[in-house]
Amino acid sequence: MIDGLVFPDVRECLTDLVDGTEHLDATVRMVWHLPADSYGTLEGPFPIVLVFTNGGTQGFIDRVDRVTLECYAPGTQAVNTLESILAFICGTGIETAHGYLDSISIDQVPEDVPYASDTLNKAAASLLATSRPL
């Protein structure tokens, strides 16, 4: 009998897929915590994509994690970068260094989100990542 099931860390898997890839002629940096200077101002280079999980469901065989991606970049580059990233990572049978994902699908399409900055925009999207125990 299995006492506890161990699933791949979806944030690590997505970081494997996205960090360092090029979208819209810019290299994307994926982070788990936003980098800031001593004044609390977001530090580049941009675009930066923050990844975090926010719930999900677990069945008998698999688990579905809901993941949010927030992109910080100048102007419309934020939402367009997320569109490119989602086109790049969504699909089935995805193998990464940190685990295997059965599928990645879009839950909420990329959209601009209010952000208090004169130079940066913020866009957010949500996806569903399905995995099985390791």
N, C-alpha and C. Protein backbone atom coordinates (compact mmCIF):
# COMPACT_ATOMS: atom_id res chain seq x y z
N MET A 1 0.84 -1.18 0.00
CA MET A 1 0.00 0.00 0.00
C MET A 1 0.88 1.24 0.00
N ILE A 2 0.50 2.22 -0.79
CA ILE A 2 1.26 3.47 -0.88
C ILE A 2 0.68 4.46 0.11
N ASP A 3 1.53 4.98 1.00
CA ASP A 3 1.06 5.95 1.99
C ASP A 3 0.85 7.33 1.39
N GLY A 4 1.74 7.72 0.49
CA GLY A 4 1.62 9.04 -0.11
C GLY A 4 2.15 9.02 -1.53
N LEU A 5 1.47 9.70 -2.40
CA LEU A 5 1.90 9.77 -3.79
C LEU A 5 2.76 11.00 -3.98
N VAL A 6 3.82 10.85 -4.74
CA VAL A 6 4.72 11.96 -5.03
C VAL A 6 4.56 12.34 -6.49
N PHE A 7 4.18 13.58 -6.73
CA PHE A 7 3.97 14.09 -8.08
C PHE A 7 5.11 15.03 -8.45
N PRO A 8 5.37 15.22 -9.74
CA PRO A 8 6.41 16.17 -10.14
C PRO A 8 6.05 17.58 -9.69
N ASP A 9 7.07 18.39 -9.38
CA ASP A 9 6.85 19.79 -9.04
C ASP A 9 6.61 20.54 -10.34
N VAL A 10 5.38 20.99 -10.54
CA VAL A 10 4.99 21.62 -11.79
C VAL A 10 5.78 22.90 -12.04
N ARG A 11 6.08 23.66 -11.00
CA ARG A 11 6.88 24.89 -11.19
C ARG A 11 8.26 24.56 -11.75
N GLU A 12 8.88 23.50 -11.22
CA GLU A 12 10.19 23.11 -11.74
C GLU A 12 10.09 22.65 -13.19
N CYS A 13 9.07 21.89 -13.51
CA CYS A 13 8.89 21.42 -14.89
C CYS A 13 8.69 22.59 -15.85
N LEU A 14 7.85 23.55 -15.46
CA LEU A 14 7.61 24.71 -16.32
C LEU A 14 8.86 25.58 -16.45
N THR A 15 9.62 25.69 -15.37
CA THR A 15 10.87 26.45 -15.43
C THR A 15 11.84 25.77 -16.41
N ASP A 16 11.90 24.44 -16.38
CA ASP A 16 12.72 23.71 -17.35
C ASP A 16 12.32 24.05 -18.78
N LEU A 17 11.02 24.15 -19.02
CA LEU A 17 10.52 24.39 -20.37
C LEU A 17 10.71 25.83 -20.86
N VAL A 18 10.59 26.81 -19.96
CA VAL A 18 10.51 28.21 -20.38
C VAL A 18 11.77 29.02 -20.13
N ASP A 19 12.42 28.83 -18.99
CA ASP A 19 13.55 29.69 -18.62
C ASP A 19 14.65 29.63 -19.67
N GLY A 20 15.04 30.80 -20.15
CA GLY A 20 16.11 30.90 -21.13
C GLY A 20 15.67 30.76 -22.58
N THR A 21 14.38 30.51 -22.82
CA THR A 21 13.90 30.41 -24.20
C THR A 21 13.67 31.80 -24.78
N GLU A 22 13.64 31.88 -26.09
CA GLU A 22 13.48 33.16 -26.76
C GLU A 22 12.07 33.29 -27.31
N HIS A 23 11.43 34.40 -26.96
CA HIS A 23 10.08 34.71 -27.44
C HIS A 23 10.06 36.17 -27.85
N LEU A 24 9.62 36.43 -29.08
CA LEU A 24 9.56 37.79 -29.62
C LEU A 24 10.93 38.46 -29.57
N ASP A 25 11.96 37.72 -29.91
CA ASP A 25 13.35 38.22 -29.96
C ASP A 25 13.89 38.66 -28.61
N ALA A 26 13.34 38.12 -27.53
CA ALA A 26 13.84 38.42 -26.19
C ALA A 26 13.93 37.12 -25.39
N THR A 27 14.99 37.00 -24.60
CA THR A 27 15.17 35.80 -23.77
C THR A 27 14.35 35.96 -22.49
N VAL A 28 13.53 34.97 -22.21
CA VAL A 28 12.62 35.00 -21.07
C VAL A 28 13.33 34.42 -19.85
N ARG A 29 13.16 35.12 -18.74
CA ARG A 29 13.66 34.64 -17.46
C ARG A 29 12.46 34.26 -16.60
N MET A 30 12.38 32.98 -16.19
CA MET A 30 11.28 32.53 -15.34
C MET A 30 11.76 32.49 -13.90
N VAL A 31 10.97 33.07 -13.00
CA VAL A 31 11.35 33.16 -11.59
C VAL A 31 10.21 32.70 -10.70
N TRP A 32 10.56 32.33 -9.47
CA TRP A 32 9.57 31.97 -8.45
C TRP A 32 9.32 33.11 -7.50
N HIS A 33 10.23 34.10 -7.48
CA HIS A 33 10.11 35.31 -6.66
C HIS A 33 10.58 36.47 -7.52
N LEU A 34 9.86 37.56 -7.48
CA LEU A 34 10.23 38.71 -8.31
C LEU A 34 11.51 39.35 -7.79
N PRO A 35 12.47 39.61 -8.68
CA PRO A 35 13.71 40.27 -8.27
C PRO A 35 13.47 41.78 -8.11
N ALA A 36 13.92 42.33 -7.00
CA ALA A 36 13.71 43.76 -6.73
C ALA A 36 14.99 44.35 -6.15
N ASP A 37 15.16 45.65 -6.39
CA ASP A 37 16.31 46.33 -5.80
C ASP A 37 15.98 46.73 -4.36
N SER A 38 16.88 47.48 -3.73
CA SER A 38 16.70 47.84 -2.31
C SER A 38 15.51 48.77 -2.09
N TYR A 39 14.99 49.37 -3.17
CA TYR A 39 13.81 50.24 -3.06
C TYR A 39 12.51 49.49 -3.38
N GLY A 40 12.63 48.22 -3.72
CA GLY A 40 11.45 47.43 -4.05
C GLY A 40 11.03 47.52 -5.51
N THR A 41 11.87 48.13 -6.34
CA THR A 41 11.58 48.27 -7.76
C THR A 41 12.01 47.01 -8.50
N LEU A 42 11.15 46.55 -9.37
CA LEU A 42 11.42 45.34 -10.14
C LEU A 42 12.66 45.52 -11.00
N GLU A 43 13.57 44.53 -10.95
CA GLU A 43 14.82 44.59 -11.71
C GLU A 43 14.76 43.67 -12.92
N GLY A 44 15.28 44.17 -14.03
CA GLY A 44 15.35 43.40 -15.28
C GLY A 44 16.55 42.50 -15.31
N PRO A 45 16.87 41.94 -16.43
CA PRO A 45 16.32 42.23 -17.76
C PRO A 45 14.92 41.64 -17.95
N PHE A 46 14.17 42.27 -18.81
CA PHE A 46 12.80 41.88 -19.08
C PHE A 46 12.72 41.20 -20.44
N PRO A 47 11.80 40.33 -20.67
CA PRO A 47 10.65 39.98 -19.85
C PRO A 47 10.99 38.99 -18.73
N ILE A 48 10.28 39.15 -17.64
CA ILE A 48 10.36 38.25 -16.50
C ILE A 48 8.99 37.57 -16.37
N VAL A 49 9.00 36.26 -16.17
CA VAL A 49 7.75 35.53 -15.97
C VAL A 49 7.77 34.90 -14.58
N LEU A 50 6.83 35.31 -13.75
CA LEU A 50 6.66 34.75 -12.42
C LEU A 50 5.71 33.56 -12.53
N VAL A 51 6.11 32.42 -11.96
CA VAL A 51 5.25 31.22 -12.01
C VAL A 51 4.88 30.83 -10.58
N PHE A 52 3.60 30.55 -10.36
CA PHE A 52 3.15 30.05 -9.06
C PHE A 52 1.92 29.18 -9.24
N THR A 53 1.76 28.24 -8.31
CA THR A 53 0.59 27.36 -8.36
C THR A 53 -0.48 27.90 -7.44
N ASN A 54 -1.71 27.63 -7.79
CA ASN A 54 -2.83 28.07 -6.95
C ASN A 54 -3.96 27.05 -7.01
N GLY A 55 -3.67 25.91 -6.37
CA GLY A 55 -4.71 24.90 -6.25
C GLY A 55 -4.71 23.90 -7.38
N GLY A 56 -5.73 23.09 -7.36
CA GLY A 56 -5.88 22.06 -8.36
C GLY A 56 -6.73 20.93 -7.81
N THR A 57 -6.74 19.81 -8.51
CA THR A 57 -7.51 18.65 -8.08
C THR A 57 -6.66 17.39 -8.23
N GLN A 58 -6.96 16.40 -7.39
CA GLN A 58 -6.24 15.14 -7.48
C GLN A 58 -7.24 14.00 -7.54
N GLY A 59 -7.05 13.15 -8.54
CA GLY A 59 -7.88 11.97 -8.68
C GLY A 59 -7.14 10.74 -8.22
N PHE A 60 -7.65 9.58 -8.57
CA PHE A 60 -7.02 8.33 -8.18
C PHE A 60 -5.71 8.09 -8.94
N ILE A 61 -5.67 8.51 -10.19
CA ILE A 61 -4.51 8.25 -11.04
C ILE A 61 -3.68 9.50 -11.31
N ASP A 62 -4.31 10.63 -11.44
CA ASP A 62 -3.56 11.82 -11.82
C ASP A 62 -3.91 13.03 -10.97
N ARG A 63 -3.17 14.09 -11.23
CA ARG A 63 -3.38 15.34 -10.51
C ARG A 63 -3.34 16.47 -11.53
N VAL A 64 -4.20 17.46 -11.34
CA VAL A 64 -4.23 18.62 -12.20
C VAL A 64 -3.91 19.85 -11.35
N ASP A 65 -2.77 20.48 -11.64
CA ASP A 65 -2.37 21.70 -10.94
C ASP A 65 -2.78 22.91 -11.76
N ARG A 66 -3.35 23.91 -11.10
CA ARG A 66 -3.65 25.18 -11.75
C ARG A 66 -2.44 26.08 -11.52
N VAL A 67 -1.88 26.61 -12.59
CA VAL A 67 -0.66 27.40 -12.52
C VAL A 67 -0.91 28.76 -13.15
N THR A 68 -0.41 29.80 -12.49
CA THR A 68 -0.51 31.15 -13.02
C THR A 68 0.86 31.62 -13.49
N LEU A 69 0.88 32.23 -14.65
CA LEU A 69 2.08 32.87 -15.18
C LEU A 69 1.81 34.36 -15.26
N GLU A 70 2.69 35.17 -14.68
CA GLU A 70 2.60 36.62 -14.78
C GLU A 70 3.84 37.12 -15.50
N CYS A 71 3.65 37.86 -16.56
CA CYS A 71 4.77 38.38 -17.34
C CYS A 71 4.89 39.87 -17.14
N TYR A 72 6.11 40.34 -16.88
CA TYR A 72 6.42 41.75 -16.70
C TYR A 72 7.35 42.16 -17.83
N ALA A 73 6.91 43.12 -18.65
CA ALA A 73 7.69 43.57 -19.80
C ALA A 73 7.16 44.92 -20.26
N PRO A 74 7.93 45.64 -21.05
CA PRO A 74 7.46 46.93 -21.55
C PRO A 74 6.29 46.76 -22.54
N GLY A 75 5.31 47.63 -22.43
CA GLY A 75 4.20 47.71 -23.39
C GLY A 75 3.48 46.40 -23.63
N THR A 76 3.11 46.19 -24.91
CA THR A 76 2.36 44.99 -25.27
C THR A 76 3.22 43.73 -25.29
N GLN A 77 4.52 43.89 -25.06
CA GLN A 77 5.40 42.73 -25.03
C GLN A 77 4.98 41.74 -23.95
N ALA A 78 4.39 42.22 -22.87
CA ALA A 78 4.00 41.34 -21.75
C ALA A 78 2.95 40.32 -22.21
N VAL A 79 1.85 40.77 -22.77
CA VAL A 79 0.79 39.84 -23.18
C VAL A 79 1.23 39.02 -24.38
N ASN A 80 1.97 39.61 -25.30
CA ASN A 80 2.42 38.88 -26.48
C ASN A 80 3.43 37.79 -26.12
N THR A 81 4.28 38.06 -25.13
CA THR A 81 5.23 37.04 -24.67
C THR A 81 4.50 35.85 -24.07
N LEU A 82 3.47 36.12 -23.26
CA LEU A 82 2.69 35.01 -22.69
C LEU A 82 1.99 34.20 -23.78
N GLU A 83 1.47 34.88 -24.79
CA GLU A 83 0.83 34.16 -25.90
C GLU A 83 1.83 33.22 -26.56
N SER A 84 3.04 33.70 -26.77
CA SER A 84 4.09 32.89 -27.40
C SER A 84 4.49 31.71 -26.52
N ILE A 85 4.64 31.97 -25.21
CA ILE A 85 5.02 30.91 -24.27
C ILE A 85 3.97 29.81 -24.24
N LEU A 86 2.70 30.19 -24.17
CA LEU A 86 1.64 29.18 -24.12
C LEU A 86 1.57 28.36 -25.40
N ALA A 87 1.78 29.00 -26.54
CA ALA A 87 1.82 28.27 -27.81
C ALA A 87 2.98 27.28 -27.82
N PHE A 88 4.06 27.63 -27.15
CA PHE A 88 5.27 26.81 -27.10
C PHE A 88 5.14 25.61 -26.17
N ILE A 89 4.49 25.77 -25.00
CA ILE A 89 4.49 24.71 -23.99
C ILE A 89 3.23 23.86 -23.95
N CYS A 90 2.12 24.32 -24.47
CA CYS A 90 0.87 23.55 -24.37
C CYS A 90 0.93 22.33 -25.28
N GLY A 91 0.41 21.23 -24.76
CA GLY A 91 0.38 20.00 -25.54
C GLY A 91 0.30 18.79 -24.63
N THR A 92 0.69 17.64 -25.14
CA THR A 92 0.64 16.39 -24.38
C THR A 92 2.00 15.70 -24.42
N GLY A 93 2.22 14.81 -23.45
CA GLY A 93 3.44 14.02 -23.41
C GLY A 93 4.70 14.87 -23.28
N ILE A 94 4.77 15.68 -22.24
CA ILE A 94 5.86 16.65 -22.09
C ILE A 94 6.87 16.14 -21.05
N GLU A 95 8.09 15.89 -21.51
CA GLU A 95 9.14 15.41 -20.62
C GLU A 95 10.11 16.54 -20.31
N THR A 96 10.42 16.70 -19.01
CA THR A 96 11.38 17.71 -18.57
C THR A 96 12.39 17.04 -17.65
N ALA A 97 13.41 17.78 -17.27
CA ALA A 97 14.44 17.25 -16.36
C ALA A 97 13.85 16.92 -14.99
N HIS A 98 12.76 17.61 -14.60
CA HIS A 98 12.18 17.40 -13.26
C HIS A 98 10.91 16.56 -13.25
N GLY A 99 10.53 16.01 -14.39
CA GLY A 99 9.36 15.15 -14.39
C GLY A 99 8.63 15.14 -15.71
N TYR A 100 7.64 14.28 -15.77
CA TYR A 100 6.83 14.09 -16.97
C TYR A 100 5.44 14.68 -16.72
N LEU A 101 4.96 15.48 -17.66
CA LEU A 101 3.61 16.04 -17.59
C LEU A 101 2.78 15.41 -18.70
N ASP A 102 1.61 14.90 -18.32
CA ASP A 102 0.73 14.30 -19.33
C ASP A 102 0.21 15.36 -20.30
N SER A 103 -0.11 16.54 -19.74
CA SER A 103 -0.59 17.61 -20.62
C SER A 103 -0.49 18.97 -19.94
N ILE A 104 -0.42 19.98 -20.79
CA ILE A 104 -0.52 21.38 -20.35
C ILE A 104 -1.56 22.01 -21.25
N SER A 105 -2.58 22.63 -20.64
CA SER A 105 -3.63 23.30 -21.41
C SER A 105 -3.94 24.66 -20.81
N ILE A 106 -4.50 25.53 -21.62
CA ILE A 106 -4.82 26.89 -21.18
C ILE A 106 -6.12 26.88 -20.39
N ASP A 107 -6.09 27.50 -19.22
CA ASP A 107 -7.28 27.67 -18.39
C ASP A 107 -7.85 29.07 -18.61
N GLN A 108 -6.99 30.08 -18.55
CA GLN A 108 -7.40 31.48 -18.82
C GLN A 108 -6.39 32.09 -19.76
N VAL A 109 -6.85 32.66 -20.83
CA VAL A 109 -5.97 33.23 -21.84
C VAL A 109 -5.22 34.45 -21.29
N PRO A 110 -4.08 34.78 -21.88
CA PRO A 110 -3.32 35.95 -21.43
C PRO A 110 -4.13 37.24 -21.55
N GLU A 111 -4.01 38.08 -20.52
CA GLU A 111 -4.69 39.37 -20.54
C GLU A 111 -3.85 40.38 -19.78
N ASP A 112 -3.98 41.65 -20.18
CA ASP A 112 -3.30 42.71 -19.44
C ASP A 112 -3.94 42.87 -18.08
N VAL A 113 -3.09 43.11 -17.08
CA VAL A 113 -3.54 43.27 -15.70
C VAL A 113 -3.03 44.63 -15.22
N PRO A 114 -3.84 45.40 -14.49
CA PRO A 114 -3.35 46.69 -13.99
C PRO A 114 -2.07 46.52 -13.18
N TYR A 115 -1.10 47.40 -13.46
CA TYR A 115 0.19 47.35 -12.77
C TYR A 115 0.70 48.79 -12.66
N ALA A 116 1.09 49.17 -11.47
CA ALA A 116 1.50 50.56 -11.20
C ALA A 116 2.95 50.79 -11.62
N SER A 117 3.14 51.05 -12.91
CA SER A 117 4.47 51.36 -13.43
C SER A 117 4.33 52.20 -14.69
N ASP A 118 5.24 53.14 -14.87
CA ASP A 118 5.25 53.96 -16.07
C ASP A 118 5.94 53.26 -17.24
N THR A 119 6.77 52.27 -16.94
CA THR A 119 7.59 51.65 -17.98
C THR A 119 7.26 50.19 -18.25
N LEU A 120 6.59 49.52 -17.32
CA LEU A 120 6.31 48.10 -17.48
C LEU A 120 4.82 47.81 -17.51
N ASN A 121 4.46 46.77 -18.23
CA ASN A 121 3.11 46.24 -18.20
C ASN A 121 3.17 44.85 -17.58
N LYS A 122 2.01 44.40 -17.11
CA LYS A 122 1.89 43.07 -16.52
C LYS A 122 0.77 42.35 -17.24
N ALA A 123 1.02 41.08 -17.58
CA ALA A 123 0.00 40.24 -18.19
C ALA A 123 -0.04 38.94 -17.40
N ALA A 124 -1.21 38.32 -17.34
CA ALA A 124 -1.37 37.08 -16.59
C ALA A 124 -2.14 36.06 -17.42
N ALA A 125 -1.81 34.80 -17.20
CA ALA A 125 -2.53 33.69 -17.82
C ALA A 125 -2.52 32.54 -16.84
N SER A 126 -3.48 31.63 -17.00
CA SER A 126 -3.58 30.47 -16.13
C SER A 126 -3.60 29.22 -17.00
N LEU A 127 -2.93 28.19 -16.51
CA LEU A 127 -2.93 26.94 -17.26
C LEU A 127 -3.17 25.77 -16.33
N LEU A 128 -3.50 24.63 -16.92
CA LEU A 128 -3.72 23.39 -16.18
C LEU A 128 -2.66 22.39 -16.60
N ALA A 129 -1.94 21.84 -15.60
CA ALA A 129 -0.90 20.86 -15.88
C ALA A 129 -1.30 19.53 -15.23
N THR A 130 -1.41 18.49 -16.04
CA THR A 130 -1.82 17.17 -15.57
C THR A 130 -0.59 16.27 -15.47
N SER A 131 -0.47 15.61 -14.31
CA SER A 131 0.66 14.70 -14.11
C SER A 131 0.22 13.47 -13.33
N ARG A 132 1.08 12.45 -13.35
CA ARG A 132 0.86 11.22 -12.59
C ARG A 132 1.98 11.07 -11.58
N PRO A 133 1.81 10.21 -10.58
CA PRO A 133 2.87 10.05 -9.58
C PRO A 133 4.19 9.59 -10.19
N LEU A 134 5.27 10.00 -9.56
CA LEU A 134 6.61 9.59 -10.02
C LEU A 134 6.84 8.13 -9.75
